[in-house]
Amino acid sequence: MKVSVVILNWNTCALIQQFLPTVVKNSKNPDIQVVVADNGSTDDSVAWIKTHHPEVQVIELGQNLGFAAGYNKALSMINTDFTVLLNSDAAPAPNWLPPLITAMEQNPQAAACVPVIKDYYQPDFFEYAGAAGGYIDKYGYPFCRGRLFDKAEKDSGQYQQPGSIFWGSGAALVVRTQLFVASGGLDPDFFAHMEEIDWCWRVKNQGHQIIYVPESQVFHLGGGTLSYQNPNKTYLNFRNNLFLILKNQPGYSAYLILCLRFLLDFLAMLNFAVHQEWRNVLAVSRAHRQFCLQLRKYLKKRRQLMPLVIQQKHPEIYKGSVVWDFFGKGKTKFSQLNFNPAKTD
């Protein structure tokens, strides 16, 4: 087989029942195997899969390792050329895989590629998790083509150009299996959220590409495991974003950016307080404390990664501030940014 579609599951039996049949149906091919890696679920997920979809391979990891370590362990047991990291709440469209695999085969520098990710309940709209490819601004804020912060655009064909992006969403990410494992995979200390951005930045620093393939579509429910409004998600996003910058931004600019980010995060806390979102205020404060407590560990990771950097400048990094553009200038669409990301050949 050439491709493994790996779904990480943890107590999401209802989602597995809803989405797995579509994955199996739209992935039927002798070169493709569908795999569910189970993170020690205590519900009926595994039993249901074995009963209703015996053709699906189940890898039982035995405990909840989180998104990052769970996928790392699962992919270490996969021997296909390519692996798709697919969320349990994602429904791929028919014929979704051939364009993705063709793109990987035709672009040997590509470490990964992504389809367009659209809203499961509003299929004419891009979805929060990945939309039409991920980017990042010079201050380390991730955003997507088709989604700035919480504003998702309607898909009217405005982002049909394939090309190089900065990061691909872990909701539906095709990777070269051996490269993924050799690179160390996802950082387990992230546990969940932004670990795919960390991996993409890491391999891009080492000369690889991440590409967007609009011919392939995946419809994503979003927030299936952890709601977008969950304070724990806020905590992980703020904490991991700081780790992301420290690990991957070359030079002394990393420290300058982090100092500015602490100030901007404080303003975010004030905004949460104004809206009486006290649990989010505490989540950001907790994120900063944990960043400081784990600073030594991440400085060590940085020292290990910096000698491997062979490409410091990336055209896919937005030179402006997406925060100022969105909140200060009222720009709610990617097309309104003064930004022309690089295209693949």
Protein backbone atom coordinates (compact mmCIF):
# COMPACT_ATOMS: atom_id res chain seq x y z
CA MET A 1 0.00 0.00 0.00
CA LYS A 2 1.06 3.58 -0.69
CA VAL A 3 -1.16 5.63 1.64
CA SER A 4 -2.39 5.28 5.21
CA VAL A 5 -5.29 7.43 6.40
CA VAL A 6 -4.79 7.59 10.17
CA ILE A 7 -7.55 8.83 12.45
CA LEU A 8 -6.62 9.47 16.08
CA ASN A 9 -9.46 8.65 18.44
CA TRP A 10 -10.10 9.28 22.11
CA ASN A 11 -13.62 8.64 23.39
CA THR A 12 -15.26 10.01 20.25
CA CYS A 13 -17.45 7.02 19.42
CA ALA A 14 -20.28 9.24 18.18
CA LEU A 15 -17.94 11.01 15.78
CA ILE A 16 -16.44 7.72 14.60
CA GLN A 17 -19.92 6.40 13.88
CA GLN A 18 -20.82 9.57 12.01
CA PHE A 19 -17.66 10.15 9.98
CA LEU A 20 -15.73 6.87 9.58
CA PRO A 21 -18.17 5.38 7.03
CA THR A 22 -17.59 8.40 4.76
CA VAL A 23 -13.82 8.10 5.14
CA VAL A 24 -13.94 4.41 4.23
CA LYS A 25 -16.32 4.95 1.31
CA ASN A 26 -14.31 7.82 -0.22
CA SER A 27 -10.92 6.18 0.35
CA LYS A 28 -11.56 2.83 -1.33
CA ASN A 29 -8.46 1.94 -3.30
CA PRO A 30 -6.03 -1.02 -3.20
CA ASP A 31 -3.22 1.45 -2.42
CA ILE A 32 -4.99 2.96 0.60
CA GLN A 33 -5.51 1.66 4.11
CA VAL A 34 -7.68 3.33 6.75
CA VAL A 35 -6.31 3.16 10.29
CA VAL A 36 -7.78 4.26 13.61
CA ALA A 37 -5.17 4.88 16.31
CA ASP A 38 -7.00 4.73 19.63
CA ASN A 39 -5.67 6.80 22.53
CA GLY A 40 -6.92 4.48 25.27
CA SER A 41 -10.64 5.20 24.83
CA THR A 42 -12.99 4.01 27.54
CA ASP A 43 -16.12 4.23 25.38
CA ASP A 44 -17.27 1.77 22.71
CA SER A 45 -15.18 3.22 19.87
CA VAL A 46 -12.90 0.26 19.28
CA ALA A 47 -15.64 -2.35 19.63
CA TRP A 48 -17.87 -0.45 17.20
CA ILE A 49 -15.10 -0.17 14.59
CA LYS A 50 -14.21 -3.84 14.81
CA THR A 51 -17.86 -4.82 14.48
CA HIS A 52 -18.97 -2.44 11.73
CA HIS A 53 -15.73 -1.81 9.82
CA PRO A 54 -13.46 -4.86 10.14
CA GLU A 55 -11.54 -3.61 7.07
CA VAL A 56 -10.22 -0.71 9.18
CA GLN A 57 -6.97 -1.40 10.99
CA VAL A 58 -7.07 -0.47 14.69
CA ILE A 59 -3.90 0.47 16.57
CA GLU A 60 -4.59 0.45 20.31
CA LEU A 61 -2.15 2.82 22.02
CA GLY A 62 -3.40 1.93 25.50
CA GLN A 63 -3.48 5.42 27.01
CA ASN A 64 -4.30 9.01 26.11
CA LEU A 65 -1.01 10.26 24.69
CA GLY A 66 -2.55 13.43 23.30
CA PHE A 67 -2.67 14.49 19.67
CA ALA A 68 1.09 14.84 19.21
CA ALA A 69 2.49 11.74 20.93
CA GLY A 70 -0.47 9.69 19.76
CA TYR A 71 0.26 10.40 16.13
CA ASN A 72 4.00 10.00 16.64
CA LYS A 73 3.56 6.50 18.01
CA ALA A 74 1.01 5.55 15.37
CA LEU A 75 3.17 6.74 12.45
CA SER A 76 6.18 4.88 13.82
CA MET A 77 4.13 1.74 13.14
CA ILE A 78 3.12 2.76 9.59
CA ASN A 79 5.17 1.65 6.57
CA THR A 80 3.37 3.38 3.67
CA ASP A 81 5.05 6.17 1.69
CA PHE A 82 2.45 8.73 2.70
CA THR A 83 0.25 9.15 5.76
CA VAL A 84 -2.81 11.36 6.14
CA LEU A 85 -3.40 12.73 9.61
CA LEU A 86 -7.19 13.02 9.59
CA ASN A 87 -9.40 14.24 12.43
CA SER A 88 -12.19 12.00 13.66
CA ASP A 89 -14.69 14.78 12.83
CA ALA A 90 -13.67 15.19 9.19
CA ALA A 91 -15.58 13.98 6.12
CA PRO A 92 -13.50 13.84 2.93
CA ALA A 93 -15.18 14.45 -0.40
CA PRO A 94 -15.14 11.76 -3.11
CA ASN A 95 -11.82 11.47 -4.95
CA TRP A 96 -10.07 13.53 -2.28
CA LEU A 97 -6.83 11.55 -2.09
CA PRO A 98 -5.52 11.31 -5.71
CA PRO A 99 -4.86 15.08 -6.07
CA LEU A 100 -3.02 15.13 -2.75
CA ILE A 101 -0.79 12.15 -3.54
CA THR A 102 -0.12 13.44 -7.06
CA ALA A 103 0.97 16.78 -5.60
CA MET A 104 3.38 15.04 -3.21
CA GLU A 105 4.84 12.89 -6.00
CA GLN A 106 5.29 15.87 -8.31
CA ASN A 107 6.89 18.06 -5.62
CA PRO A 108 9.81 16.13 -4.09
CA GLN A 109 10.63 19.06 -1.78
CA ALA A 110 7.17 18.93 -0.24
CA ALA A 111 7.16 17.48 3.26
CA ALA A 112 3.39 17.77 3.44
CA CYS A 113 0.30 19.02 1.66
CA VAL A 114 -3.27 19.89 2.60
CA PRO A 115 -6.69 19.99 0.93
CA VAL A 116 -9.09 22.88 1.24
CA ILE A 117 -10.91 22.48 4.56
CA LYS A 118 -14.53 23.58 4.62
CA ASP A 119 -17.28 23.77 7.20
CA TYR A 120 -19.21 20.52 7.58
CA TYR A 121 -22.49 22.27 8.39
CA GLN A 122 -21.94 25.20 6.02
CA PRO A 123 -20.11 23.57 3.09
CA ASP A 124 -19.97 26.85 1.16
CA PHE A 125 -17.74 28.33 3.87
CA PHE A 126 -14.13 27.70 4.82
CA GLU A 127 -13.59 26.07 8.20
CA TYR A 128 -11.65 27.54 11.11
CA ALA A 129 -9.03 24.80 11.46
CA GLY A 130 -7.33 25.11 8.09
CA ALA A 131 -9.45 26.82 5.42
CA ALA A 132 -7.36 27.30 2.24
CA GLY A 133 -3.94 26.94 3.83
CA GLY A 134 -2.16 28.33 6.87
CA TYR A 135 0.19 31.30 7.24
CA ILE A 136 1.79 33.24 10.08
CA ASP A 137 2.64 36.89 10.60
CA LYS A 138 5.97 38.35 11.73
CA TYR A 139 4.79 38.32 15.35
CA GLY A 140 3.97 34.62 15.32
CA TYR A 141 0.18 34.81 14.97
CA PRO A 142 -1.17 31.99 12.78
CA PHE A 143 -4.02 32.64 10.37
CA CYS A 144 -5.53 31.04 7.28
CA ARG A 145 -6.37 31.97 3.74
CA GLY A 146 -10.15 32.13 4.02
CA ARG A 147 -10.21 32.62 7.82
CA LEU A 148 -8.85 35.47 9.90
CA PHE A 149 -9.37 34.92 13.63
CA ASP A 150 -13.05 33.93 13.99
CA LYS A 151 -14.21 35.25 10.61
CA ALA A 152 -14.51 32.53 7.99
CA GLU A 153 -15.15 33.51 4.37
CA LYS A 154 -17.58 31.99 1.94
CA ASP A 155 -15.83 29.96 -0.73
CA SER A 156 -16.59 31.60 -4.05
CA GLY A 157 -13.53 30.18 -5.79
CA GLN A 158 -11.24 33.01 -4.68
CA TYR A 159 -8.49 30.67 -3.41
CA GLN A 160 -8.17 28.10 -6.16
CA GLN A 161 -4.49 28.75 -6.81
CA PRO A 162 -2.31 25.87 -5.53
CA GLY A 163 0.97 26.87 -3.99
CA SER A 164 3.33 27.03 -1.08
CA ILE A 165 1.86 27.78 2.36
CA PHE A 166 3.45 28.12 5.78
CA TRP A 167 1.55 25.44 7.66
CA GLY A 168 -1.06 22.78 7.05
CA SER A 169 -3.85 21.91 9.44
CA GLY A 170 -3.61 18.70 11.44
CA ALA A 171 -7.30 18.18 10.64
CA ALA A 172 -6.23 16.78 7.26
CA LEU A 173 -2.47 16.74 6.71
CA VAL A 174 -0.65 14.49 4.22
CA VAL A 175 2.97 13.82 5.22
CA ARG A 176 5.87 11.76 3.93
CA THR A 177 5.85 9.06 6.56
CA GLN A 178 9.60 8.46 6.82
CA LEU A 179 10.41 12.17 6.84
CA PHE A 180 7.80 12.77 9.53
CA VAL A 181 9.27 10.08 11.79
CA ALA A 182 12.90 11.08 11.07
CA SER A 183 12.16 14.72 11.88
CA GLY A 184 10.94 13.79 15.35
CA GLY A 185 7.28 14.16 14.46
CA LEU A 186 5.00 16.39 16.50
CA ASP A 187 6.29 17.84 19.76
CA PRO A 188 4.62 15.81 22.56
CA ASP A 189 5.11 18.69 25.02
CA PHE A 190 2.56 20.69 23.03
CA PHE A 191 0.03 17.91 23.85
CA ALA A 192 -2.54 19.48 21.51
CA HIS A 193 -2.93 22.63 19.37
CA MET A 194 -0.31 24.21 17.09
CA GLU A 195 1.92 21.15 17.13
CA GLU A 196 1.34 20.82 13.38
CA ILE A 197 2.42 24.46 12.89
CA ASP A 198 5.53 23.73 14.93
CA TRP A 199 6.34 20.71 12.75
CA CYS A 200 5.71 22.61 9.51
CA TRP A 201 7.93 25.51 10.61
CA ARG A 202 10.62 23.08 11.66
CA VAL A 203 10.76 21.23 8.34
CA LYS A 204 10.48 24.48 6.36
CA ASN A 205 13.53 25.78 8.22
CA GLN A 206 15.27 22.64 6.97
CA GLY A 207 14.45 23.39 3.33
CA HIS A 208 11.15 21.55 2.77
CA GLN A 209 7.82 22.87 1.49
CA ILE A 210 4.22 22.68 2.64
CA ILE A 211 1.74 22.96 -0.23
CA TYR A 212 -1.96 23.59 -0.71
CA VAL A 213 -4.01 21.45 -3.10
CA PRO A 214 -7.44 23.04 -3.79
CA GLU A 215 -8.60 20.13 -6.00
CA SER A 216 -9.09 18.11 -2.80
CA GLN A 217 -11.82 18.93 -0.27
CA VAL A 218 -12.41 17.85 3.32
CA PHE A 219 -15.41 18.95 5.38
CA HIS A 220 -14.57 19.46 9.05
CA LEU A 221 -16.97 19.69 11.97
CA GLY A 222 -14.46 21.55 14.15
CA GLY A 223 -14.19 21.45 17.92
CA GLY A 224 -15.15 17.79 17.92
CA THR A 225 -12.75 16.87 20.71
CA LEU A 226 -12.30 20.27 22.37
CA SER A 227 -14.71 23.14 21.72
CA TYR A 228 -13.29 26.35 20.26
CA GLN A 229 -14.74 28.19 23.28
CA ASN A 230 -13.16 25.86 25.83
CA PRO A 231 -10.77 27.71 28.21
CA ASN A 232 -8.36 24.77 28.05
CA LYS A 233 -8.12 25.39 24.31
CA THR A 234 -7.35 29.05 25.06
CA TYR A 235 -4.62 27.95 27.46
CA LEU A 236 -3.02 25.56 24.98
CA ASN A 237 -3.18 28.04 22.11
CA PHE A 238 -1.54 30.88 24.04
CA ARG A 239 1.09 28.64 25.68
CA ASN A 240 1.98 26.71 22.55
CA ASN A 241 2.17 29.85 20.42
CA LEU A 242 4.97 31.12 22.67
CA PHE A 243 6.76 27.76 22.51
CA LEU A 244 6.35 27.82 18.73
CA ILE A 245 8.19 31.14 18.40
CA LEU A 246 10.97 30.25 20.82
CA LYS A 247 11.70 26.94 19.09
CA ASN A 248 11.62 28.03 15.47
CA GLN A 249 12.26 31.76 15.00
CA PRO A 250 15.98 32.10 14.15
CA GLY A 251 18.19 34.80 15.64
CA TYR A 252 17.71 37.30 18.43
CA SER A 253 14.42 38.43 16.87
CA ALA A 254 12.79 35.47 18.63
CA TYR A 255 13.35 37.10 22.02
CA LEU A 256 12.14 40.51 20.83
CA ILE A 257 8.99 38.94 19.42
CA LEU A 258 8.35 37.07 22.68
CA CYS A 259 8.64 40.28 24.72
CA LEU A 260 6.11 41.96 22.45
CA ARG A 261 3.84 38.92 22.58
CA PHE A 262 3.67 39.07 26.37
CA LEU A 263 2.40 42.65 26.04
CA LEU A 264 -0.11 41.72 23.34
CA ASP A 265 -1.29 38.72 25.34
CA PHE A 266 -1.87 41.03 28.30
CA LEU A 267 -4.11 43.16 26.07
CA ALA A 268 -5.95 39.97 25.09
CA MET A 269 -6.49 39.25 28.78
CA LEU A 270 -7.98 42.73 29.22
CA ASN A 271 -10.32 42.06 26.30
CA PHE A 272 -11.43 38.79 27.90
CA ALA A 273 -11.99 40.68 31.18
CA VAL A 274 -14.09 43.37 29.47
CA HIS A 275 -16.32 40.60 28.12
CA GLN A 276 -16.32 38.91 31.55
CA GLU A 277 -14.68 35.77 30.18
CA TRP A 278 -12.87 35.14 33.44
CA ARG A 279 -11.95 31.53 32.70
CA ASN A 280 -10.14 32.71 29.55
CA VAL A 281 -8.34 35.39 31.59
CA LEU A 282 -7.08 32.67 33.92
CA ALA A 283 -6.20 30.47 30.93
CA VAL A 284 -3.89 33.13 29.44
CA SER A 285 -2.28 33.78 32.84
CA ARG A 286 -1.72 30.05 33.29
CA ALA A 287 -0.21 29.84 29.79
CA HIS A 288 2.36 32.52 30.66
CA ARG A 289 3.26 30.83 33.93
CA GLN A 290 3.79 27.50 32.21
CA PHE A 291 5.89 29.12 29.50
CA CYS A 292 8.19 30.57 32.16
CA LEU A 293 8.35 27.30 34.08
CA GLN A 294 9.31 25.35 30.93
CA LEU A 295 11.59 28.00 29.46
CA ARG A 296 14.77 26.04 30.12
CA LYS A 297 13.38 22.92 28.40
CA TYR A 298 12.41 24.89 25.28
CA LEU A 299 15.70 26.76 25.15
CA LYS A 300 17.36 23.35 25.00
CA LYS A 301 15.06 22.36 22.11
CA ARG A 302 15.92 25.62 20.37
CA ARG A 303 19.66 24.95 20.69
CA GLN A 304 19.15 21.53 19.12
CA LEU A 305 17.12 22.89 16.18
CA MET A 306 18.99 26.06 15.24
CA PRO A 307 22.06 24.26 13.77
CA LEU A 308 19.67 22.43 11.39
CA VAL A 309 18.25 25.65 9.93
CA ILE A 310 19.22 26.12 6.30
CA GLN A 311 16.39 28.46 5.27
CA GLN A 312 15.60 31.42 7.52
CA LYS A 313 13.48 33.57 5.24
CA HIS A 314 10.08 32.32 4.16
CA PRO A 315 7.90 34.22 1.68
CA GLU A 316 4.87 32.67 3.38
CA ILE A 317 5.44 34.77 6.53
CA TYR A 318 3.28 37.90 6.44
CA LYS A 319 5.47 40.95 7.08
CA GLY A 320 2.61 42.92 8.62
CA SER A 321 0.54 42.40 11.76
CA VAL A 322 -2.60 40.35 11.21
CA VAL A 323 -3.81 41.47 14.66
CA TRP A 324 -3.59 45.17 13.73
CA ASP A 325 -5.08 44.54 10.29
CA PHE A 326 -8.04 42.67 11.76
CA PHE A 327 -8.79 44.58 14.95
CA GLY A 328 -7.37 47.97 14.02
CA LYS A 329 -8.12 48.26 10.30
CA GLY A 330 -11.19 46.04 10.10
CA LYS A 331 -9.73 43.69 7.48
CA THR A 332 -11.65 40.44 7.83
CA LYS A 333 -10.57 38.70 4.61
CA PHE A 334 -7.23 37.29 3.54
CA SER A 335 -7.59 39.02 0.18
CA GLN A 336 -7.62 42.40 1.95
CA LEU A 337 -4.10 41.88 3.28
CA ASN A 338 -1.16 43.24 1.31
CA PHE A 339 0.24 39.74 0.99
CA ASN A 340 1.29 37.65 -2.02
CA PRO A 341 2.54 34.26 -0.80
CA ALA A 342 4.96 32.29 -2.94
CA LYS A 343 3.62 29.87 -5.53
CA THR A 344 4.93 26.42 -6.23
CA ASP A 345 6.36 25.71 -9.68
